[in-house]
Amino acid sequence: MKIKKIKTAFTDERGSIADIFYKANIEHVAIIKTLDKGRIIRGNHYHKLTTQHIFMTKGSLRYWYREQDVNAPVNVIDVPEGHMVTTEPMEIHALECLEKSEFIVFSTGLRGGNDYESDTYRDFEPILK
């Protein structure tokens, strides 16, 4: 499944708990905040080894993706607050933020610190301009 709503696992008089992951091997977590400057595009790349899970905490984004095949169709889905979209390895993807947004990216593979660019590839025509 590409996109899923994060459901509440527990609720009582103090509030609620939602499990984003359970028994998952996550190697890197980043918080990304966009400025309120209108349309902002991020991504337009792919990863050979890394899987990313993008969880919207505020706002929303439009997620564009396609397979490596240049003739493959470009797909688009809207990711609202409280939902998570997963990017598999070798999937070209771009994020279009149309409003001030905040999201958390959970990654398995080379994505953090000095490894940030080591598994990021932009050797194709961008899918979103």
N, C-alpha and C. Protein backbone atom coordinates (compact mmCIF):
# COMPACT_ATOMS: atom_id res chain seq x y z
N MET A 1 0.85 -1.18 0.00
CA MET A 1 0.00 0.00 0.00
C MET A 1 0.89 1.23 0.00
N LYS A 2 0.55 2.22 -0.77
CA LYS A 2 1.36 3.43 -0.92
C LYS A 2 1.09 4.45 0.18
N ILE A 3 -0.16 4.66 0.53
CA ILE A 3 -0.51 5.67 1.53
C ILE A 3 -1.43 5.03 2.56
N LYS A 4 -1.23 5.41 3.82
CA LYS A 4 -2.12 4.87 4.85
C LYS A 4 -2.38 5.91 5.93
N LYS A 5 -3.55 5.85 6.50
CA LYS A 5 -3.95 6.70 7.62
C LYS A 5 -3.38 6.06 8.88
N ILE A 6 -2.71 6.85 9.70
CA ILE A 6 -2.20 6.35 10.97
C ILE A 6 -3.36 6.36 11.96
N LYS A 7 -3.69 5.20 12.46
CA LYS A 7 -4.87 5.04 13.33
C LYS A 7 -4.48 5.14 14.80
N THR A 8 -5.42 5.57 15.60
CA THR A 8 -5.23 5.65 17.05
C THR A 8 -5.24 4.24 17.62
N ALA A 9 -4.22 3.91 18.42
CA ALA A 9 -4.12 2.59 19.03
C ALA A 9 -4.71 2.55 20.43
N PHE A 10 -4.71 3.70 21.11
CA PHE A 10 -5.18 3.74 22.50
C PHE A 10 -5.68 5.15 22.81
N THR A 11 -6.79 5.22 23.53
CA THR A 11 -7.35 6.49 23.96
C THR A 11 -7.89 6.36 25.38
N ASP A 12 -7.62 7.36 26.20
CA ASP A 12 -8.25 7.46 27.51
C ASP A 12 -8.42 8.94 27.85
N GLU A 13 -8.69 9.26 29.10
CA GLU A 13 -8.97 10.64 29.48
C GLU A 13 -7.75 11.57 29.32
N ARG A 14 -6.56 11.02 29.17
CA ARG A 14 -5.35 11.83 29.01
C ARG A 14 -5.06 12.18 27.56
N GLY A 15 -5.65 11.44 26.63
CA GLY A 15 -5.38 11.67 25.21
C GLY A 15 -5.30 10.36 24.46
N SER A 16 -4.48 10.34 23.40
CA SER A 16 -4.40 9.14 22.57
C SER A 16 -2.95 8.82 22.17
N ILE A 17 -2.76 7.60 21.74
CA ILE A 17 -1.46 7.12 21.25
C ILE A 17 -1.70 6.48 19.88
N ALA A 18 -0.89 6.86 18.92
CA ALA A 18 -0.94 6.24 17.59
C ALA A 18 0.42 5.64 17.30
N ASP A 19 0.46 4.39 16.95
CA ASP A 19 1.71 3.72 16.61
C ASP A 19 2.03 3.98 15.14
N ILE A 20 3.12 4.69 14.90
CA ILE A 20 3.53 4.94 13.53
C ILE A 20 4.23 3.70 12.98
N PHE A 21 5.11 3.10 13.78
CA PHE A 21 5.78 1.85 13.42
C PHE A 21 5.73 0.90 14.61
N TYR A 22 5.73 -0.37 14.30
CA TYR A 22 5.79 -1.41 15.32
C TYR A 22 6.70 -2.51 14.79
N LYS A 23 7.75 -2.79 15.53
CA LYS A 23 8.74 -3.80 15.14
C LYS A 23 9.36 -3.48 13.78
N ALA A 24 9.76 -2.24 13.61
CA ALA A 24 10.37 -1.80 12.35
C ALA A 24 11.81 -1.37 12.60
N ASN A 25 12.67 -1.61 11.64
CA ASN A 25 14.07 -1.22 11.73
C ASN A 25 14.24 0.13 11.02
N ILE A 26 14.22 1.21 11.78
CA ILE A 26 14.37 2.56 11.24
C ILE A 26 15.77 3.04 11.58
N GLU A 27 16.52 3.51 10.57
CA GLU A 27 17.90 3.91 10.77
C GLU A 27 18.11 5.42 10.84
N HIS A 28 17.11 6.19 10.38
CA HIS A 28 17.26 7.64 10.37
C HIS A 28 15.89 8.28 10.44
N VAL A 29 15.80 9.38 11.18
CA VAL A 29 14.55 10.14 11.29
C VAL A 29 14.89 11.62 11.12
N ALA A 30 14.12 12.31 10.27
CA ALA A 30 14.32 13.75 10.05
C ALA A 30 12.97 14.45 10.08
N ILE A 31 12.96 15.67 10.57
CA ILE A 31 11.78 16.52 10.53
C ILE A 31 12.02 17.59 9.46
N ILE A 32 11.08 17.73 8.55
CA ILE A 32 11.20 18.72 7.49
C ILE A 32 10.03 19.69 7.62
N LYS A 33 10.36 20.97 7.65
CA LYS A 33 9.35 22.03 7.72
C LYS A 33 9.49 22.89 6.48
N THR A 34 8.37 23.20 5.84
CA THR A 34 8.42 24.09 4.68
C THR A 34 7.99 25.48 5.12
N LEU A 35 8.49 26.46 4.45
CA LEU A 35 8.12 27.84 4.72
C LEU A 35 6.83 28.16 3.99
N ASP A 36 6.16 29.19 4.43
CA ASP A 36 4.90 29.59 3.83
C ASP A 36 5.19 30.51 2.65
N LYS A 37 5.69 29.94 1.56
CA LYS A 37 6.06 30.72 0.38
C LYS A 37 5.32 30.23 -0.85
N GLY A 38 4.19 29.60 -0.68
CA GLY A 38 3.48 29.06 -1.83
C GLY A 38 3.99 27.68 -2.19
N ARG A 39 4.06 27.40 -3.47
CA ARG A 39 4.43 26.07 -3.97
C ARG A 39 5.92 25.80 -3.74
N ILE A 40 6.22 24.72 -3.03
CA ILE A 40 7.59 24.30 -2.76
C ILE A 40 7.74 22.86 -3.23
N ILE A 41 8.80 22.59 -4.00
CA ILE A 41 9.05 21.24 -4.52
C ILE A 41 10.31 20.69 -3.88
N ARG A 42 10.21 19.47 -3.40
CA ARG A 42 11.35 18.76 -2.83
C ARG A 42 11.45 17.41 -3.53
N GLY A 43 12.60 16.80 -3.44
CA GLY A 43 12.78 15.48 -4.02
C GLY A 43 13.23 15.55 -5.47
N ASN A 44 12.41 14.98 -6.37
CA ASN A 44 12.79 14.82 -7.77
C ASN A 44 14.05 13.98 -7.87
N HIS A 45 14.04 12.87 -7.16
CA HIS A 45 15.18 11.97 -7.15
C HIS A 45 14.70 10.55 -6.82
N TYR A 46 15.64 9.62 -6.74
CA TYR A 46 15.32 8.27 -6.29
C TYR A 46 16.48 7.76 -5.47
N HIS A 47 16.26 6.65 -4.79
CA HIS A 47 17.27 5.99 -3.97
C HIS A 47 17.37 4.54 -4.41
N LYS A 48 18.57 4.05 -4.55
CA LYS A 48 18.74 2.65 -4.96
C LYS A 48 18.52 1.69 -3.80
N LEU A 49 18.85 2.12 -2.58
CA LEU A 49 18.81 1.22 -1.44
C LEU A 49 17.86 1.66 -0.32
N THR A 50 17.51 2.91 -0.29
CA THR A 50 16.78 3.48 0.84
C THR A 50 15.27 3.41 0.66
N THR A 51 14.58 3.05 1.74
CA THR A 51 13.12 3.14 1.81
C THR A 51 12.81 4.30 2.74
N GLN A 52 11.88 5.17 2.33
CA GLN A 52 11.49 6.32 3.14
C GLN A 52 9.99 6.24 3.43
N HIS A 53 9.64 6.64 4.65
CA HIS A 53 8.24 6.75 5.06
C HIS A 53 8.03 8.21 5.46
N ILE A 54 7.13 8.90 4.81
CA ILE A 54 6.89 10.32 5.05
C ILE A 54 5.56 10.46 5.77
N PHE A 55 5.61 10.90 7.03
CA PHE A 55 4.43 11.05 7.87
C PHE A 55 4.09 12.53 8.04
N MET A 56 2.93 12.93 7.56
CA MET A 56 2.50 14.33 7.62
C MET A 56 2.00 14.67 9.02
N THR A 57 2.67 15.61 9.68
CA THR A 57 2.24 16.05 11.01
C THR A 57 1.45 17.35 10.94
N LYS A 58 1.73 18.19 9.94
CA LYS A 58 1.00 19.45 9.74
C LYS A 58 0.88 19.72 8.25
N GLY A 59 -0.27 20.20 7.84
CA GLY A 59 -0.46 20.52 6.43
C GLY A 59 -0.66 19.28 5.58
N SER A 60 -0.27 19.39 4.32
CA SER A 60 -0.42 18.28 3.39
C SER A 60 0.59 18.45 2.27
N LEU A 61 0.73 17.41 1.46
CA LEU A 61 1.58 17.50 0.28
C LEU A 61 0.99 16.66 -0.83
N ARG A 62 1.44 16.96 -2.02
CA ARG A 62 1.09 16.17 -3.20
C ARG A 62 2.34 15.37 -3.54
N TYR A 63 2.17 14.04 -3.64
CA TYR A 63 3.29 13.13 -3.84
C TYR A 63 3.25 12.60 -5.27
N TRP A 64 4.29 12.88 -6.05
CA TRP A 64 4.41 12.45 -7.45
C TRP A 64 5.42 11.31 -7.49
N TYR A 65 5.12 10.26 -8.25
CA TYR A 65 6.04 9.14 -8.32
C TYR A 65 5.86 8.35 -9.63
N ARG A 66 6.94 7.64 -10.00
CA ARG A 66 6.88 6.73 -11.14
C ARG A 66 8.02 5.73 -11.03
N GLU A 67 7.89 4.67 -11.79
CA GLU A 67 8.95 3.67 -11.87
C GLU A 67 10.12 4.23 -12.68
N GLN A 68 11.23 3.50 -12.70
CA GLN A 68 12.43 3.92 -13.42
C GLN A 68 12.22 4.02 -14.92
N ASP A 69 11.37 3.20 -15.48
CA ASP A 69 11.11 3.20 -16.92
C ASP A 69 10.62 4.58 -17.34
N VAL A 70 11.34 5.21 -18.28
CA VAL A 70 10.99 6.56 -18.72
C VAL A 70 9.59 6.63 -19.33
N ASN A 71 9.07 5.51 -19.81
CA ASN A 71 7.73 5.47 -20.38
C ASN A 71 6.65 5.17 -19.35
N ALA A 72 7.06 4.90 -18.12
CA ALA A 72 6.08 4.60 -17.07
C ALA A 72 5.27 5.86 -16.76
N PRO A 73 4.00 5.69 -16.44
CA PRO A 73 3.18 6.87 -16.12
C PRO A 73 3.61 7.51 -14.81
N VAL A 74 3.42 8.81 -14.73
CA VAL A 74 3.65 9.54 -13.48
C VAL A 74 2.34 9.50 -12.70
N ASN A 75 2.42 9.07 -11.46
CA ASN A 75 1.25 8.98 -10.58
C ASN A 75 1.31 10.09 -9.55
N VAL A 76 0.17 10.48 -9.03
CA VAL A 76 0.11 11.52 -8.01
C VAL A 76 -0.95 11.17 -6.99
N ILE A 77 -0.62 11.38 -5.71
CA ILE A 77 -1.59 11.20 -4.63
C ILE A 77 -1.43 12.36 -3.66
N ASP A 78 -2.52 12.75 -3.03
CA ASP A 78 -2.48 13.77 -1.99
C ASP A 78 -2.29 13.07 -0.65
N VAL A 79 -1.39 13.62 0.16
CA VAL A 79 -1.09 13.05 1.47
C VAL A 79 -1.51 14.07 2.52
N PRO A 80 -2.67 13.86 3.16
CA PRO A 80 -3.14 14.82 4.17
C PRO A 80 -2.48 14.59 5.53
N GLU A 81 -2.67 15.54 6.40
CA GLU A 81 -2.19 15.44 7.77
C GLU A 81 -2.67 14.13 8.39
N GLY A 82 -1.77 13.47 9.13
CA GLY A 82 -2.12 12.21 9.79
C GLY A 82 -1.95 10.98 8.93
N HIS A 83 -1.49 11.15 7.70
CA HIS A 83 -1.27 10.03 6.79
C HIS A 83 0.22 9.86 6.51
N MET A 84 0.59 8.67 6.05
CA MET A 84 1.99 8.38 5.74
C MET A 84 2.07 7.74 4.36
N VAL A 85 3.05 8.17 3.58
CA VAL A 85 3.31 7.61 2.26
C VAL A 85 4.70 6.97 2.29
N THR A 86 4.84 5.83 1.62
CA THR A 86 6.10 5.10 1.60
C THR A 86 6.72 5.15 0.21
N THR A 87 8.01 5.46 0.17
CA THR A 87 8.80 5.48 -1.05
C THR A 87 9.72 4.27 -1.03
N GLU A 88 9.54 3.37 -1.97
CA GLU A 88 10.38 2.18 -2.07
C GLU A 88 11.65 2.50 -2.86
N PRO A 89 12.71 1.70 -2.70
CA PRO A 89 13.92 1.91 -3.51
C PRO A 89 13.59 1.88 -5.00
N MET A 90 14.32 2.67 -5.76
CA MET A 90 14.22 2.77 -7.21
C MET A 90 12.96 3.48 -7.70
N GLU A 91 12.20 4.08 -6.81
CA GLU A 91 11.01 4.82 -7.20
C GLU A 91 11.36 6.31 -7.29
N ILE A 92 11.19 6.88 -8.46
CA ILE A 92 11.41 8.31 -8.62
C ILE A 92 10.26 9.03 -7.93
N HIS A 93 10.58 10.03 -7.11
CA HIS A 93 9.53 10.71 -6.36
C HIS A 93 9.83 12.20 -6.21
N ALA A 94 8.76 12.98 -6.10
CA ALA A 94 8.86 14.42 -5.86
C ALA A 94 7.72 14.81 -4.93
N LEU A 95 7.98 15.77 -4.07
CA LEU A 95 6.99 16.26 -3.12
C LEU A 95 6.63 17.68 -3.49
N GLU A 96 5.35 17.96 -3.57
CA GLU A 96 4.88 19.30 -3.88
C GLU A 96 4.07 19.80 -2.68
N CYS A 97 4.60 20.78 -1.99
CA CYS A 97 3.92 21.36 -0.84
C CYS A 97 3.23 22.65 -1.31
N LEU A 98 1.94 22.73 -1.11
CA LEU A 98 1.17 23.89 -1.55
C LEU A 98 0.82 24.81 -0.40
N GLU A 99 1.19 24.42 0.79
CA GLU A 99 0.94 25.20 1.99
C GLU A 99 2.07 24.95 2.98
N LYS A 100 2.13 25.72 4.02
CA LYS A 100 3.12 25.51 5.07
C LYS A 100 2.87 24.13 5.65
N SER A 101 3.90 23.30 5.67
CA SER A 101 3.74 21.91 6.08
C SER A 101 4.89 21.47 6.97
N GLU A 102 4.65 20.36 7.66
CA GLU A 102 5.70 19.73 8.46
C GLU A 102 5.50 18.23 8.35
N PHE A 103 6.61 17.52 8.11
CA PHE A 103 6.52 16.08 8.03
C PHE A 103 7.78 15.43 8.60
N ILE A 104 7.62 14.19 9.03
CA ILE A 104 8.74 13.41 9.57
C ILE A 104 9.06 12.33 8.56
N VAL A 105 10.34 12.20 8.24
CA VAL A 105 10.79 11.18 7.30
C VAL A 105 11.55 10.12 8.09
N PHE A 106 11.06 8.89 8.03
CA PHE A 106 11.69 7.74 8.66
C PHE A 106 12.35 6.93 7.54
N SER A 107 13.63 6.63 7.68
CA SER A 107 14.35 5.95 6.59
C SER A 107 15.06 4.70 7.07
N THR A 108 15.12 3.75 6.17
CA THR A 108 15.95 2.57 6.31
C THR A 108 16.92 2.62 5.15
N GLY A 109 18.21 2.75 5.44
CA GLY A 109 19.21 2.89 4.39
C GLY A 109 20.02 4.15 4.61
N LEU A 110 20.77 4.54 3.62
CA LEU A 110 21.69 5.67 3.72
C LEU A 110 20.98 6.99 3.48
N ARG A 111 20.58 7.69 4.53
CA ARG A 111 19.90 8.99 4.35
C ARG A 111 20.36 10.05 5.33
N GLY A 112 21.00 9.73 6.41
CA GLY A 112 21.31 10.73 7.41
C GLY A 112 22.75 11.21 7.41
N GLY A 113 22.96 12.38 8.02
CA GLY A 113 24.29 12.92 8.22
C GLY A 113 25.11 12.98 6.95
N ASN A 114 26.34 12.46 7.02
CA ASN A 114 27.24 12.47 5.88
C ASN A 114 26.80 11.54 4.76
N ASP A 115 25.87 10.63 5.04
CA ASP A 115 25.37 9.69 4.04
C ASP A 115 24.23 10.26 3.21
N TYR A 116 23.79 11.48 3.50
CA TYR A 116 22.57 12.02 2.90
C TYR A 116 22.54 11.90 1.37
N GLU A 117 23.61 12.28 0.71
CA GLU A 117 23.63 12.26 -0.75
C GLU A 117 24.17 10.95 -1.35
N SER A 118 24.66 10.04 -0.53
CA SER A 118 25.31 8.85 -1.08
C SER A 118 24.34 7.87 -1.74
N ASP A 119 23.05 7.96 -1.45
CA ASP A 119 22.05 7.10 -2.08
C ASP A 119 20.94 7.95 -2.70
N THR A 120 21.30 9.11 -3.21
CA THR A 120 20.34 10.00 -3.88
C THR A 120 20.79 10.21 -5.31
N TYR A 121 19.89 9.95 -6.26
CA TYR A 121 20.23 10.00 -7.68
C TYR A 121 19.27 10.92 -8.42
N ARG A 122 19.85 11.80 -9.23
CA ARG A 122 19.06 12.78 -10.00
C ARG A 122 19.42 12.71 -11.49
N ASP A 123 19.77 11.54 -11.97
CA ASP A 123 20.28 11.39 -13.34
C ASP A 123 19.15 11.08 -14.35
N PHE A 124 18.11 11.91 -14.33
CA PHE A 124 16.96 11.73 -15.20
C PHE A 124 16.25 13.08 -15.31
N GLU A 125 15.30 13.18 -16.22
CA GLU A 125 14.47 14.38 -16.34
C GLU A 125 13.54 14.44 -15.13
N PRO A 126 13.52 15.54 -14.38
CA PRO A 126 12.64 15.64 -13.20
C PRO A 126 11.17 15.36 -13.55
N ILE A 127 10.46 14.73 -12.63
CA ILE A 127 9.04 14.42 -12.90
C ILE A 127 8.14 15.59 -12.54
N LEU A 128 8.69 16.58 -11.84
CA LEU A 128 7.90 17.73 -11.43
C LEU A 128 8.78 18.97 -11.53
N LYS A 129 8.24 20.02 -12.14
CA LYS A 129 9.01 21.27 -12.29
C LYS A 129 8.25 22.43 -11.70
